[in-house]
Amino acid sequence: QVAQLGRWITADVSDELREVRRLNVERR
């Protein structure tokens, strides 16, 4: 989960990782 990176990333990075994750999971 992206949330496991919690305090190490900013909200913008979290949003970007979630979007890339969504696309990768859909492709897979």
mmCIF file of all heavy atoms, coordinates in Angstrom:
data_MODEL
# 
_entry.id   MODEL 
# 
loop_
_atom_site.group_PDB 
_atom_site.id 
_atom_site.type_symbol 
_atom_site.label_atom_id 
_atom_site.label_alt_id 
_atom_site.label_comp_id 
_atom_site.label_asym_id 
_atom_site.label_entity_id 
_atom_site.label_seq_id 
_atom_site.pdbx_PDB_ins_code 
_atom_site.Cartn_x 
_atom_site.Cartn_y 
_atom_site.Cartn_z 
_atom_site.occupancy 
_atom_site.B_iso_or_equiv 
_atom_site.pdbx_formal_charge 
_atom_site.auth_seq_id 
_atom_site.auth_comp_id 
_atom_site.auth_asym_id 
_atom_site.auth_atom_id 
_atom_site.pdbx_PDB_model_num 
ATOM 1   N N   . GLN A 1 1  ? 0.838  -1.192 0.000   1.00 0.00 ? 1  GLN A N   1 
ATOM 2   C CA  . GLN A 1 1  ? 0.000  0.000  0.000   1.00 0.00 ? 1  GLN A CA  1 
ATOM 3   C C   . GLN A 1 1  ? 0.879  1.249  0.000   1.00 0.00 ? 1  GLN A C   1 
ATOM 4   O O   . GLN A 1 1  ? 1.916  1.287  0.666   1.00 0.00 ? 1  GLN A O   1 
ATOM 5   C CB  . GLN A 1 1  ? -0.907 0.020  1.235   1.00 0.00 ? 1  GLN A CB  1 
ATOM 6   C CG  . GLN A 1 1  ? -1.912 -1.103 1.269   1.00 0.00 ? 1  GLN A CG  1 
ATOM 7   C CD  . GLN A 1 1  ? -2.902 -0.991 0.129   1.00 0.00 ? 1  GLN A CD  1 
ATOM 8   O OE1 . GLN A 1 1  ? -3.387 0.081  -0.193  1.00 0.00 ? 1  GLN A OE1 1 
ATOM 9   N NE2 . GLN A 1 1  ? -3.189 -2.123 -0.501  1.00 0.00 ? 1  GLN A NE2 1 
ATOM 10  N N   . VAL A 1 2  ? 0.465  2.272  -0.724  1.00 0.00 ? 2  VAL A N   1 
ATOM 11  C CA  . VAL A 1 2  ? 1.212  3.532  -0.774  1.00 0.00 ? 2  VAL A CA  1 
ATOM 12  C C   . VAL A 1 2  ? 1.264  4.163  0.617   1.00 0.00 ? 2  VAL A C   1 
ATOM 13  O O   . VAL A 1 2  ? 2.256  4.778  1.002   1.00 0.00 ? 2  VAL A O   1 
ATOM 14  C CB  . VAL A 1 2  ? 0.584  4.507  -1.796  1.00 0.00 ? 2  VAL A CB  1 
ATOM 15  C CG1 . VAL A 1 2  ? 1.267  5.859  -1.767  1.00 0.00 ? 2  VAL A CG1 1 
ATOM 16  C CG2 . VAL A 1 2  ? 0.656  3.910  -3.192  1.00 0.00 ? 2  VAL A CG2 1 
ATOM 17  N N   . ALA A 1 3  ? 0.233  3.945  1.406   1.00 0.00 ? 3  ALA A N   1 
ATOM 18  C CA  . ALA A 1 3  ? 0.174  4.516  2.757   1.00 0.00 ? 3  ALA A CA  1 
ATOM 19  C C   . ALA A 1 3  ? 1.302  4.007  3.650   1.00 0.00 ? 3  ALA A C   1 
ATOM 20  O O   . ALA A 1 3  ? 1.655  4.658  4.638   1.00 0.00 ? 3  ALA A O   1 
ATOM 21  C CB  . ALA A 1 3  ? -1.173 4.212  3.397   1.00 0.00 ? 3  ALA A CB  1 
ATOM 22  N N   . GLN A 1 4  ? 1.906  2.882  3.324   1.00 0.00 ? 4  GLN A N   1 
ATOM 23  C CA  . GLN A 1 4  ? 3.003  2.353  4.130   1.00 0.00 ? 4  GLN A CA  1 
ATOM 24  C C   . GLN A 1 4  ? 4.267  3.200  4.005   1.00 0.00 ? 4  GLN A C   1 
ATOM 25  O O   . GLN A 1 4  ? 5.178  3.061  4.806   1.00 0.00 ? 4  GLN A O   1 
ATOM 26  C CB  . GLN A 1 4  ? 3.289  0.902  3.760   1.00 0.00 ? 4  GLN A CB  1 
ATOM 27  C CG  . GLN A 1 4  ? 2.177  -0.032 4.201   1.00 0.00 ? 4  GLN A CG  1 
ATOM 28  C CD  . GLN A 1 4  ? 2.459  -1.467 3.833   1.00 0.00 ? 4  GLN A CD  1 
ATOM 29  O OE1 . GLN A 1 4  ? 2.994  -1.761 2.768   1.00 0.00 ? 4  GLN A OE1 1 
ATOM 30  N NE2 . GLN A 1 4  ? 2.081  -2.372 4.705   1.00 0.00 ? 4  GLN A NE2 1 
ATOM 31  N N   . LEU A 1 5  ? 4.319  4.051  2.993   1.00 0.00 ? 5  LEU A N   1 
ATOM 32  C CA  . LEU A 1 5  ? 5.444  4.987  2.867   1.00 0.00 ? 5  LEU A CA  1 
ATOM 33  C C   . LEU A 1 5  ? 5.207  6.241  3.709   1.00 0.00 ? 5  LEU A C   1 
ATOM 34  O O   . LEU A 1 5  ? 6.097  7.061  3.851   1.00 0.00 ? 5  LEU A O   1 
ATOM 35  C CB  . LEU A 1 5  ? 5.656  5.375  1.402   1.00 0.00 ? 5  LEU A CB  1 
ATOM 36  C CG  . LEU A 1 5  ? 6.288  4.308  0.538   1.00 0.00 ? 5  LEU A CG  1 
ATOM 37  C CD1 . LEU A 1 5  ? 6.108  4.644  -0.924  1.00 0.00 ? 5  LEU A CD1 1 
ATOM 38  C CD2 . LEU A 1 5  ? 7.755  4.185  0.867   1.00 0.00 ? 5  LEU A CD2 1 
ATOM 39  N N   . GLY A 1 6  ? 3.996  6.389  4.199   1.00 0.00 ? 6  GLY A N   1 
ATOM 40  C CA  . GLY A 1 6  ? 3.510  7.460  5.047   1.00 0.00 ? 6  GLY A CA  1 
ATOM 41  C C   . GLY A 1 6  ? 4.360  8.680  5.251   1.00 0.00 ? 6  GLY A C   1 
ATOM 42  O O   . GLY A 1 6  ? 4.315  9.624  4.473   1.00 0.00 ? 6  GLY A O   1 
ATOM 43  N N   . ARG A 1 7  ? 5.145  8.709  6.280   1.00 0.00 ? 7  ARG A N   1 
ATOM 44  C CA  . ARG A 1 7  ? 5.882  9.905  6.672   1.00 0.00 ? 7  ARG A CA  1 
ATOM 45  C C   . ARG A 1 7  ? 7.086  10.204 5.785   1.00 0.00 ? 7  ARG A C   1 
ATOM 46  O O   . ARG A 1 7  ? 7.681  11.259 5.889   1.00 0.00 ? 7  ARG A O   1 
ATOM 47  C CB  . ARG A 1 7  ? 6.304  9.812  8.129   1.00 0.00 ? 7  ARG A CB  1 
ATOM 48  C CG  . ARG A 1 7  ? 7.218  8.643  8.428   1.00 0.00 ? 7  ARG A CG  1 
ATOM 49  C CD  . ARG A 1 7  ? 7.688  8.633  9.851   1.00 0.00 ? 7  ARG A CD  1 
ATOM 50  N NE  . ARG A 1 7  ? 8.717  9.644  9.998   1.00 0.00 ? 7  ARG A NE  1 
ATOM 51  C CZ  . ARG A 1 7  ? 8.983  10.279 11.119  1.00 0.00 ? 7  ARG A CZ  1 
ATOM 52  N NH1 . ARG A 1 7  ? 8.310  10.029 12.177  1.00 0.00 ? 7  ARG A NH1 1 
ATOM 53  N NH2 . ARG A 1 7  ? 9.949  11.166 11.162  1.00 0.00 ? 7  ARG A NH2 1 
ATOM 54  N N   . TRP A 1 8  ? 7.450  9.279  4.904   1.00 0.00 ? 8  TRP A N   1 
ATOM 55  C CA  . TRP A 1 8  ? 8.617  9.501  4.048   1.00 0.00 ? 8  TRP A CA  1 
ATOM 56  C C   . TRP A 1 8  ? 8.285  10.233 2.765   1.00 0.00 ? 8  TRP A C   1 
ATOM 57  O O   . TRP A 1 8  ? 9.189  10.619 2.032   1.00 0.00 ? 8  TRP A O   1 
ATOM 58  C CB  . TRP A 1 8  ? 9.286  8.164  3.699   1.00 0.00 ? 8  TRP A CB  1 
ATOM 59  C CG  . TRP A 1 8  ? 10.047 7.599  4.840   1.00 0.00 ? 8  TRP A CG  1 
ATOM 60  C CD1 . TRP A 1 8  ? 9.665  6.587  5.669   1.00 0.00 ? 8  TRP A CD1 1 
ATOM 61  C CD2 . TRP A 1 8  ? 11.318 8.030  5.321   1.00 0.00 ? 8  TRP A CD2 1 
ATOM 62  N NE1 . TRP A 1 8  ? 10.622 6.361  6.615   1.00 0.00 ? 8  TRP A NE1 1 
ATOM 63  C CE2 . TRP A 1 8  ? 11.647 7.243  6.425   1.00 0.00 ? 8  TRP A CE2 1 
ATOM 64  C CE3 . TRP A 1 8  ? 12.212 9.026  4.917   1.00 0.00 ? 8  TRP A CE3 1 
ATOM 65  C CZ2 . TRP A 1 8  ? 12.830 7.396  7.130   1.00 0.00 ? 8  TRP A CZ2 1 
ATOM 66  C CZ3 . TRP A 1 8  ? 13.393 9.175  5.614   1.00 0.00 ? 8  TRP A CZ3 1 
ATOM 67  C CH2 . TRP A 1 8  ? 13.690 8.370  6.709   1.00 0.00 ? 8  TRP A CH2 1 
ATOM 68  N N   . ILE A 1 9  ? 6.986  10.397 2.433   1.00 0.00 ? 9  ILE A N   1 
ATOM 69  C CA  . ILE A 1 9  ? 6.611  11.036 1.179   1.00 0.00 ? 9  ILE A CA  1 
ATOM 70  C C   . ILE A 1 9  ? 5.612  12.161 1.422   1.00 0.00 ? 9  ILE A C   1 
ATOM 71  O O   . ILE A 1 9  ? 4.901  12.165 2.414   1.00 0.00 ? 9  ILE A O   1 
ATOM 72  C CB  . ILE A 1 9  ? 6.013  10.017 0.174   1.00 0.00 ? 9  ILE A CB  1 
ATOM 73  C CG1 . ILE A 1 9  ? 4.758  9.349  0.731   1.00 0.00 ? 9  ILE A CG1 1 
ATOM 74  C CG2 . ILE A 1 9  ? 7.033  8.989  -0.231  1.00 0.00 ? 9  ILE A CG2 1 
ATOM 75  C CD1 . ILE A 1 9  ? 4.063  8.428  -0.238  1.00 0.00 ? 9  ILE A CD1 1 
ATOM 76  N N   . THR A 1 10 ? 5.587  13.110 0.497   1.00 0.00 ? 10 THR A N   1 
ATOM 77  C CA  . THR A 1 10 ? 4.631  14.208 0.573   1.00 0.00 ? 10 THR A CA  1 
ATOM 78  C C   . THR A 1 10 ? 3.295  13.756 -0.022  1.00 0.00 ? 10 THR A C   1 
ATOM 79  O O   . THR A 1 10 ? 3.205  12.700 -0.645  1.00 0.00 ? 10 THR A O   1 
ATOM 80  C CB  . THR A 1 10 ? 5.141  15.443 -0.189  1.00 0.00 ? 10 THR A CB  1 
ATOM 81  O OG1 . THR A 1 10 ? 5.295  15.097 -1.568  1.00 0.00 ? 10 THR A OG1 1 
ATOM 82  C CG2 . THR A 1 10 ? 6.459  15.943 0.371   1.00 0.00 ? 10 THR A CG2 1 
ATOM 83  N N   . ALA A 1 11 ? 2.274  14.575 0.154   1.00 0.00 ? 11 ALA A N   1 
ATOM 84  C CA  . ALA A 1 11 ? 0.944  14.249 -0.378  1.00 0.00 ? 11 ALA A CA  1 
ATOM 85  C C   . ALA A 1 11 ? 0.963  14.175 -1.906  1.00 0.00 ? 11 ALA A C   1 
ATOM 86  O O   . ALA A 1 11 ? 0.286  13.325 -2.502  1.00 0.00 ? 11 ALA A O   1 
ATOM 87  C CB  . ALA A 1 11 ? -0.063 15.279 0.096   1.00 0.00 ? 11 ALA A CB  1 
ATOM 88  N N   . ASP A 1 12 ? 1.738  15.061 -2.547  1.00 0.00 ? 12 ASP A N   1 
ATOM 89  C CA  . ASP A 1 12 ? 1.829  15.044 -4.013  1.00 0.00 ? 12 ASP A CA  1 
ATOM 90  C C   . ASP A 1 12 ? 2.429  13.735 -4.513  1.00 0.00 ? 12 ASP A C   1 
ATOM 91  O O   . ASP A 1 12 ? 1.951  13.151 -5.486  1.00 0.00 ? 12 ASP A O   1 
ATOM 92  C CB  . ASP A 1 12 ? 2.669  16.217 -4.522  1.00 0.00 ? 12 ASP A CB  1 
ATOM 93  C CG  . ASP A 1 12 ? 2.019  17.558 -4.273  1.00 0.00 ? 12 ASP A CG  1 
ATOM 94  O OD1 . ASP A 1 12 ? 0.776  17.588 -4.113  1.00 0.00 ? 12 ASP A OD1 1 
ATOM 95  O OD2 . ASP A 1 12 ? 2.747  18.569 -4.240  1.00 0.00 ? 12 ASP A OD2 1 
ATOM 96  N N   . VAL A 1 13 ? 3.483  13.276 -3.863  1.00 0.00 ? 13 VAL A N   1 
ATOM 97  C CA  . VAL A 1 13 ? 4.128  12.019 -4.254  1.00 0.00 ? 13 VAL A CA  1 
ATOM 98  C C   . VAL A 1 13 ? 3.170  10.859 -4.017  1.00 0.00 ? 13 VAL A C   1 
ATOM 99  O O   . VAL A 1 13 ? 3.071  9.946  -4.844  1.00 0.00 ? 13 VAL A O   1 
ATOM 100 C CB  . VAL A 1 13 ? 5.451  11.817 -3.482  1.00 0.00 ? 13 VAL A CB  1 
ATOM 101 C CG1 . VAL A 1 13 ? 6.024  10.440 -3.732  1.00 0.00 ? 13 VAL A CG1 1 
ATOM 102 C CG2 . VAL A 1 13 ? 6.452  12.891 -3.876  1.00 0.00 ? 13 VAL A CG2 1 
ATOM 103 N N   . SER A 1 14 ? 2.450  10.894 -2.924  1.00 0.00 ? 14 SER A N   1 
ATOM 104 C CA  . SER A 1 14 ? 1.473  9.847  -2.637  1.00 0.00 ? 14 SER A CA  1 
ATOM 105 C C   . SER A 1 14 ? 0.418  9.759  -3.732  1.00 0.00 ? 14 SER A C   1 
ATOM 106 O O   . SER A 1 14 ? 0.082  8.662  -4.195  1.00 0.00 ? 14 SER A O   1 
ATOM 107 C CB  . SER A 1 14 ? 0.808  10.130 -1.287  1.00 0.00 ? 14 SER A CB  1 
ATOM 108 O OG  . SER A 1 14 ? -0.184 9.189  -1.014  1.00 0.00 ? 14 SER A OG  1 
ATOM 109 N N   . ASP A 1 15 ? -0.091 10.904 -4.169  1.00 0.00 ? 15 ASP A N   1 
ATOM 110 C CA  . ASP A 1 15 ? -1.090 10.921 -5.239  1.00 0.00 ? 15 ASP A CA  1 
ATOM 111 C C   . ASP A 1 15 ? -0.528 10.363 -6.544  1.00 0.00 ? 15 ASP A C   1 
ATOM 112 O O   . ASP A 1 15 ? -1.194 9.585  -7.245  1.00 0.00 ? 15 ASP A O   1 
ATOM 113 C CB  . ASP A 1 15 ? -1.609 12.339 -5.472  1.00 0.00 ? 15 ASP A CB  1 
ATOM 114 C CG  . ASP A 1 15 ? -2.415 12.865 -4.293  1.00 0.00 ? 15 ASP A CG  1 
ATOM 115 O OD1 . ASP A 1 15 ? -2.875 12.044 -3.461  1.00 0.00 ? 15 ASP A OD1 1 
ATOM 116 O OD2 . ASP A 1 15 ? -2.558 14.099 -4.197  1.00 0.00 ? 15 ASP A OD2 1 
ATOM 117 N N   . GLU A 1 16 ? 0.709  10.739 -6.877  1.00 0.00 ? 16 GLU A N   1 
ATOM 118 C CA  . GLU A 1 16 ? 1.337  10.249 -8.107  1.00 0.00 ? 16 GLU A CA  1 
ATOM 119 C C   . GLU A 1 16 ? 1.547  8.736  -8.059  1.00 0.00 ? 16 GLU A C   1 
ATOM 120 O O   . GLU A 1 16 ? 1.277  8.036  -9.038  1.00 0.00 ? 16 GLU A O   1 
ATOM 121 C CB  . GLU A 1 16 ? 2.674  10.946 -8.327  1.00 0.00 ? 16 GLU A CB  1 
ATOM 122 C CG  . GLU A 1 16 ? 2.556  12.397 -8.721  1.00 0.00 ? 16 GLU A CG  1 
ATOM 123 C CD  . GLU A 1 16 ? 3.911  13.084 -8.804  1.00 0.00 ? 16 GLU A CD  1 
ATOM 124 O OE1 . GLU A 1 16 ? 4.940  12.385 -8.864  1.00 0.00 ? 16 GLU A OE1 1 
ATOM 125 O OE2 . GLU A 1 16 ? 3.927  14.326 -8.802  1.00 0.00 ? 16 GLU A OE2 1 
ATOM 126 N N   . LEU A 1 17 ? 2.028  8.223  -6.919  1.00 0.00 ? 17 LEU A N   1 
ATOM 127 C CA  . LEU A 1 17 ? 2.258  6.783  -6.789  1.00 0.00 ? 17 LEU A CA  1 
ATOM 128 C C   . LEU A 1 17 ? 0.938  6.016  -6.866  1.00 0.00 ? 17 LEU A C   1 
ATOM 129 O O   . LEU A 1 17 ? 0.876  4.937  -7.462  1.00 0.00 ? 17 LEU A O   1 
ATOM 130 C CB  . LEU A 1 17 ? 2.989  6.469  -5.490  1.00 0.00 ? 17 LEU A CB  1 
ATOM 131 C CG  . LEU A 1 17 ? 4.450  6.900  -5.407  1.00 0.00 ? 17 LEU A CG  1 
ATOM 132 C CD1 . LEU A 1 17 ? 5.018  6.565  -4.037  1.00 0.00 ? 17 LEU A CD1 1 
ATOM 133 C CD2 . LEU A 1 17 ? 5.284  6.262  -6.497  1.00 0.00 ? 17 LEU A CD2 1 
ATOM 134 N N   . ARG A 1 18 ? -0.114 6.562  -6.269  1.00 0.00 ? 18 ARG A N   1 
ATOM 135 C CA  . ARG A 1 18 ? -1.421 5.901  -6.333  1.00 0.00 ? 18 ARG A CA  1 
ATOM 136 C C   . ARG A 1 18 ? -1.931 5.817  -7.774  1.00 0.00 ? 18 ARG A C   1 
ATOM 137 O O   . ARG A 1 18 ? -2.516 4.817  -8.182  1.00 0.00 ? 18 ARG A O   1 
ATOM 138 C CB  . ARG A 1 18 ? -2.422 6.650  -5.463  1.00 0.00 ? 18 ARG A CB  1 
ATOM 139 C CG  . ARG A 1 18 ? -2.321 6.297  -4.012  1.00 0.00 ? 18 ARG A CG  1 
ATOM 140 C CD  . ARG A 1 18 ? -3.497 6.845  -3.211  1.00 0.00 ? 18 ARG A CD  1 
ATOM 141 N NE  . ARG A 1 18 ? -3.353 6.442  -1.827  1.00 0.00 ? 18 ARG A NE  1 
ATOM 142 C CZ  . ARG A 1 18 ? -2.795 7.195  -0.891  1.00 0.00 ? 18 ARG A CZ  1 
ATOM 143 N NH1 . ARG A 1 18 ? -2.370 8.403  -1.180  1.00 0.00 ? 18 ARG A NH1 1 
ATOM 144 N NH2 . ARG A 1 18 ? -2.675 6.744  0.346   1.00 0.00 ? 18 ARG A NH2 1 
ATOM 145 N N   . GLU A 1 19 ? -1.715 6.881  -8.548  1.00 0.00 ? 19 GLU A N   1 
ATOM 146 C CA  . GLU A 1 19 ? -2.166 6.877  -9.940  1.00 0.00 ? 19 GLU A CA  1 
ATOM 147 C C   . GLU A 1 19 ? -1.382 5.854  -10.761 1.00 0.00 ? 19 GLU A C   1 
ATOM 148 O O   . GLU A 1 19 ? -1.967 5.091  -11.538 1.00 0.00 ? 19 GLU A O   1 
ATOM 149 C CB  . GLU A 1 19 ? -2.020 8.276  -10.550 1.00 0.00 ? 19 GLU A CB  1 
ATOM 150 C CG  . GLU A 1 19 ? -2.462 8.382  -11.988 1.00 0.00 ? 19 GLU A CG  1 
ATOM 151 C CD  . GLU A 1 19 ? -3.937 8.083  -12.203 1.00 0.00 ? 19 GLU A CD  1 
ATOM 152 O OE1 . GLU A 1 19 ? -4.719 8.168  -11.240 1.00 0.00 ? 19 GLU A OE1 1 
ATOM 153 O OE2 . GLU A 1 19 ? -4.302 7.741  -13.343 1.00 0.00 ? 19 GLU A OE2 1 
ATOM 154 N N   . VAL A 1 20 ? -0.071 5.799  -10.598 1.00 0.00 ? 20 VAL A N   1 
ATOM 155 C CA  . VAL A 1 20 ? 0.750  4.820  -11.332 1.00 0.00 ? 20 VAL A CA  1 
ATOM 156 C C   . VAL A 1 20 ? 0.365  3.408  -10.900 1.00 0.00 ? 20 VAL A C   1 
ATOM 157 O O   . VAL A 1 20 ? 0.275  2.494  -11.728 1.00 0.00 ? 20 VAL A O   1 
ATOM 158 C CB  . VAL A 1 20 ? 2.251  5.093  -11.107 1.00 0.00 ? 20 VAL A CB  1 
ATOM 159 C CG1 . VAL A 1 20 ? 3.104  3.998  -11.714 1.00 0.00 ? 20 VAL A CG1 1 
ATOM 160 C CG2 . VAL A 1 20 ? 2.638  6.442  -11.683 1.00 0.00 ? 20 VAL A CG2 1 
ATOM 161 N N   . ARG A 1 21 ? 0.119  3.231  -9.605  1.00 0.00 ? 21 ARG A N   1 
ATOM 162 C CA  . ARG A 1 21 ? -0.297 1.924  -9.086  1.00 0.00 ? 21 ARG A CA  1 
ATOM 163 C C   . ARG A 1 21 ? -1.616 1.495  -9.729  1.00 0.00 ? 21 ARG A C   1 
ATOM 164 O O   . ARG A 1 21 ? -1.775 0.351  -10.146 1.00 0.00 ? 21 ARG A O   1 
ATOM 165 C CB  . ARG A 1 21 ? -0.453 1.986  -7.575  1.00 0.00 ? 21 ARG A CB  1 
ATOM 166 C CG  . ARG A 1 21 ? -1.018 0.723  -6.957  1.00 0.00 ? 21 ARG A CG  1 
ATOM 167 C CD  . ARG A 1 21 ? -1.466 0.982  -5.536  1.00 0.00 ? 21 ARG A CD  1 
ATOM 168 N NE  . ARG A 1 21 ? -2.191 -0.131 -5.006  1.00 0.00 ? 21 ARG A NE  1 
ATOM 169 C CZ  . ARG A 1 21 ? -1.653 -1.100 -4.273  1.00 0.00 ? 21 ARG A CZ  1 
ATOM 170 N NH1 . ARG A 1 21 ? -0.368 -1.063 -3.999  1.00 0.00 ? 21 ARG A NH1 1 
ATOM 171 N NH2 . ARG A 1 21 ? -2.377 -2.079 -3.837  1.00 0.00 ? 21 ARG A NH2 1 
ATOM 172 N N   . ARG A 1 22 ? -2.577 2.414  -9.800  1.00 0.00 ? 22 ARG A N   1 
ATOM 173 C CA  . ARG A 1 22 ? -3.878 2.101  -10.388 1.00 0.00 ? 22 ARG A CA  1 
ATOM 174 C C   . ARG A 1 22 ? -3.716 1.616  -11.830 1.00 0.00 ? 22 ARG A C   1 
ATOM 175 O O   . ARG A 1 22 ? -4.311 0.613  -12.238 1.00 0.00 ? 22 ARG A O   1 
ATOM 176 C CB  . ARG A 1 22 ? -4.784 3.316  -10.337 1.00 0.00 ? 22 ARG A CB  1 
ATOM 177 C CG  . ARG A 1 22 ? -6.201 3.046  -10.807 1.00 0.00 ? 22 ARG A CG  1 
ATOM 178 C CD  . ARG A 1 22 ? -7.025 4.305  -10.885 1.00 0.00 ? 22 ARG A CD  1 
ATOM 179 N NE  . ARG A 1 22 ? -6.534 5.233  -11.907 1.00 0.00 ? 22 ARG A NE  1 
ATOM 180 C CZ  . ARG A 1 22 ? -6.746 5.099  -13.217 1.00 0.00 ? 22 ARG A CZ  1 
ATOM 181 N NH1 . ARG A 1 22 ? -7.407 4.057  -13.669 1.00 0.00 ? 22 ARG A NH1 1 
ATOM 182 N NH2 . ARG A 1 22 ? -6.287 5.986  -14.065 1.00 0.00 ? 22 ARG A NH2 1 
ATOM 183 N N   . LEU A 1 23 ? -2.881 2.313  -12.590 1.00 0.00 ? 23 LEU A N   1 
ATOM 184 C CA  . LEU A 1 23 ? -2.661 1.929  -13.989 1.00 0.00 ? 23 LEU A CA  1 
ATOM 185 C C   . LEU A 1 23 ? -1.965 0.576  -14.103 1.00 0.00 ? 23 LEU A C   1 
ATOM 186 O O   . LEU A 1 23 ? -2.321 -0.247 -14.960 1.00 0.00 ? 23 LEU A O   1 
ATOM 187 C CB  . LEU A 1 23 ? -1.855 3.010  -14.704 1.00 0.00 ? 23 LEU A CB  1 
ATOM 188 C CG  . LEU A 1 23 ? -2.545 4.368  -14.855 1.00 0.00 ? 23 LEU A CG  1 
ATOM 189 C CD1 . LEU A 1 23 ? -1.570 5.400  -15.390 1.00 0.00 ? 23 LEU A CD1 1 
ATOM 190 C CD2 . LEU A 1 23 ? -3.769 4.246  -15.732 1.00 0.00 ? 23 LEU A CD2 1 
ATOM 191 N N   . ASN A 1 24 ? -0.966 0.330  -13.258 1.00 0.00 ? 24 ASN A N   1 
ATOM 192 C CA  . ASN A 1 24 ? -0.248 -0.951 -13.304 1.00 0.00 ? 24 ASN A CA  1 
ATOM 193 C C   . ASN A 1 24 ? -1.148 -2.112 -12.904 1.00 0.00 ? 24 ASN A C   1 
ATOM 194 O O   . ASN A 1 24 ? -1.100 -3.187 -13.514 1.00 0.00 ? 24 ASN A O   1 
ATOM 195 C CB  . ASN A 1 24 ? 0.985  -0.916 -12.413 1.00 0.00 ? 24 ASN A CB  1 
ATOM 196 C CG  . ASN A 1 24 ? 2.165  -0.284 -13.091 1.00 0.00 ? 24 ASN A CG  1 
ATOM 197 O OD1 . ASN A 1 24 ? 2.187  -0.141 -14.313 1.00 0.00 ? 24 ASN A OD1 1 
ATOM 198 N ND2 . ASN A 1 24 ? 3.147  0.113  -12.318 1.00 0.00 ? 24 ASN A ND2 1 
ATOM 199 N N   . VAL A 1 25 ? -1.957 -1.915 -11.856 1.00 0.00 ? 25 VAL A N   1 
ATOM 200 C CA  . VAL A 1 25 ? -2.859 -2.980 -11.417 1.00 0.00 ? 25 VAL A CA  1 
ATOM 201 C C   . VAL A 1 25 ? -3.886 -3.277 -12.502 1.00 0.00 ? 25 VAL A C   1 
ATOM 202 O O   . VAL A 1 25 ? -4.201 -4.442 -12.767 1.00 0.00 ? 25 VAL A O   1 
ATOM 203 C CB  . VAL A 1 25 ? -3.530 -2.599 -10.079 1.00 0.00 ? 25 VAL A CB  1 
ATOM 204 C CG1 . VAL A 1 25 ? -4.670 -3.544 -9.746  1.00 0.00 ? 25 VAL A CG1 1 
ATOM 205 C CG2 . VAL A 1 25 ? -2.497 -2.595 -8.967  1.00 0.00 ? 25 VAL A CG2 1 
ATOM 206 N N   . GLU A 1 26 ? -4.395 -2.241 -13.160 1.00 0.00 ? 26 GLU A N   1 
ATOM 207 C CA  . GLU A 1 26 ? -5.350 -2.445 -14.254 1.00 0.00 ? 26 GLU A CA  1 
ATOM 208 C C   . GLU A 1 26 ? -4.706 -3.212 -15.411 1.00 0.00 ? 26 GLU A C   1 
ATOM 209 O O   . GLU A 1 26 ? -5.288 -4.154 -15.953 1.00 0.00 ? 26 GLU A O   1 
ATOM 210 C CB  . GLU A 1 26 ? -5.865 -1.096 -14.753 1.00 0.00 ? 26 GLU A CB  1 
ATOM 211 C CG  . GLU A 1 26 ? -6.889 -1.198 -15.844 1.00 0.00 ? 26 GLU A CG  1 
ATOM 212 C CD  . GLU A 1 26 ? -7.403 0.160  -16.296 1.00 0.00 ? 26 GLU A CD  1 
ATOM 213 O OE1 . GLU A 1 26 ? -7.211 1.149  -15.568 1.00 0.00 ? 26 GLU A OE1 1 
ATOM 214 O OE2 . GLU A 1 26 ? -7.981 0.216  -17.395 1.00 0.00 ? 26 GLU A OE2 1 
ATOM 215 N N   . ARG A 1 27 ? -3.489 -2.825 -15.786 1.00 0.00 ? 27 ARG A N   1 
ATOM 216 C CA  . ARG A 1 27 ? -2.789 -3.514 -16.864 1.00 0.00 ? 27 ARG A CA  1 
ATOM 217 C C   . ARG A 1 27 ? -2.538 -4.973 -16.515 1.00 0.00 ? 27 ARG A C   1 
ATOM 218 O O   . ARG A 1 27 ? -2.764 -5.873 -17.326 1.00 0.00 ? 27 ARG A O   1 
ATOM 219 C CB  . ARG A 1 27 ? -1.457 -2.814 -17.152 1.00 0.00 ? 27 ARG A CB  1 
ATOM 220 C CG  . ARG A 1 27 ? -0.623 -3.506 -18.234 1.00 0.00 ? 27 ARG A CG  1 
ATOM 221 C CD  . ARG A 1 27 ? 0.767  -2.925 -18.359 1.00 0.00 ? 27 ARG A CD  1 
ATOM 222 N NE  . ARG A 1 27 ? 1.487  -2.785 -17.119 1.00 0.00 ? 27 ARG A NE  1 
ATOM 223 C CZ  . ARG A 1 27 ? 2.150  -3.782 -16.512 1.00 0.00 ? 27 ARG A CZ  1 
ATOM 224 N NH1 . ARG A 1 27 ? 2.171  -4.988 -17.030 1.00 0.00 ? 27 ARG A NH1 1 
ATOM 225 N NH2 . ARG A 1 27 ? 2.801  -3.560 -15.379 1.00 0.00 ? 27 ARG A NH2 1 
ATOM 226 N N   . ARG A 1 28 ? -2.120 -5.232 -15.273 1.00 0.00 ? 28 ARG A N   1 
ATOM 227 C CA  . ARG A 1 28 ? -1.828 -6.602 -14.868 1.00 0.00 ? 28 ARG A CA  1 
ATOM 228 C C   . ARG A 1 28 ? -3.089 -7.454 -14.811 1.00 0.00 ? 28 ARG A C   1 
ATOM 229 O O   . ARG A 1 28 ? -3.046 -8.649 -15.097 1.00 0.00 ? 28 ARG A O   1 
ATOM 230 C CB  . ARG A 1 28 ? -1.105 -6.603 -13.531 1.00 0.00 ? 28 ARG A CB  1 
ATOM 231 C CG  . ARG A 1 28 ? 0.320  -6.056 -13.669 1.00 0.00 ? 28 ARG A CG  1 
ATOM 232 C CD  . ARG A 1 28 ? 1.007  -5.997 -12.366 1.00 0.00 ? 28 ARG A CD  1 
ATOM 233 N NE  . ARG A 1 28 ? 1.298  -7.359 -11.941 1.00 0.00 ? 28 ARG A NE  1 
ATOM 234 C CZ  . ARG A 1 28 ? 2.177  -7.667 -11.024 1.00 0.00 ? 28 ARG A CZ  1 
ATOM 235 N NH1 . ARG A 1 28 ? 2.857  -6.710 -10.426 1.00 0.00 ? 28 ARG A NH1 1 
ATOM 236 N NH2 . ARG A 1 28 ? 2.391  -8.900 -10.675 1.00 0.00 ? 28 ARG A NH2 1 
# 
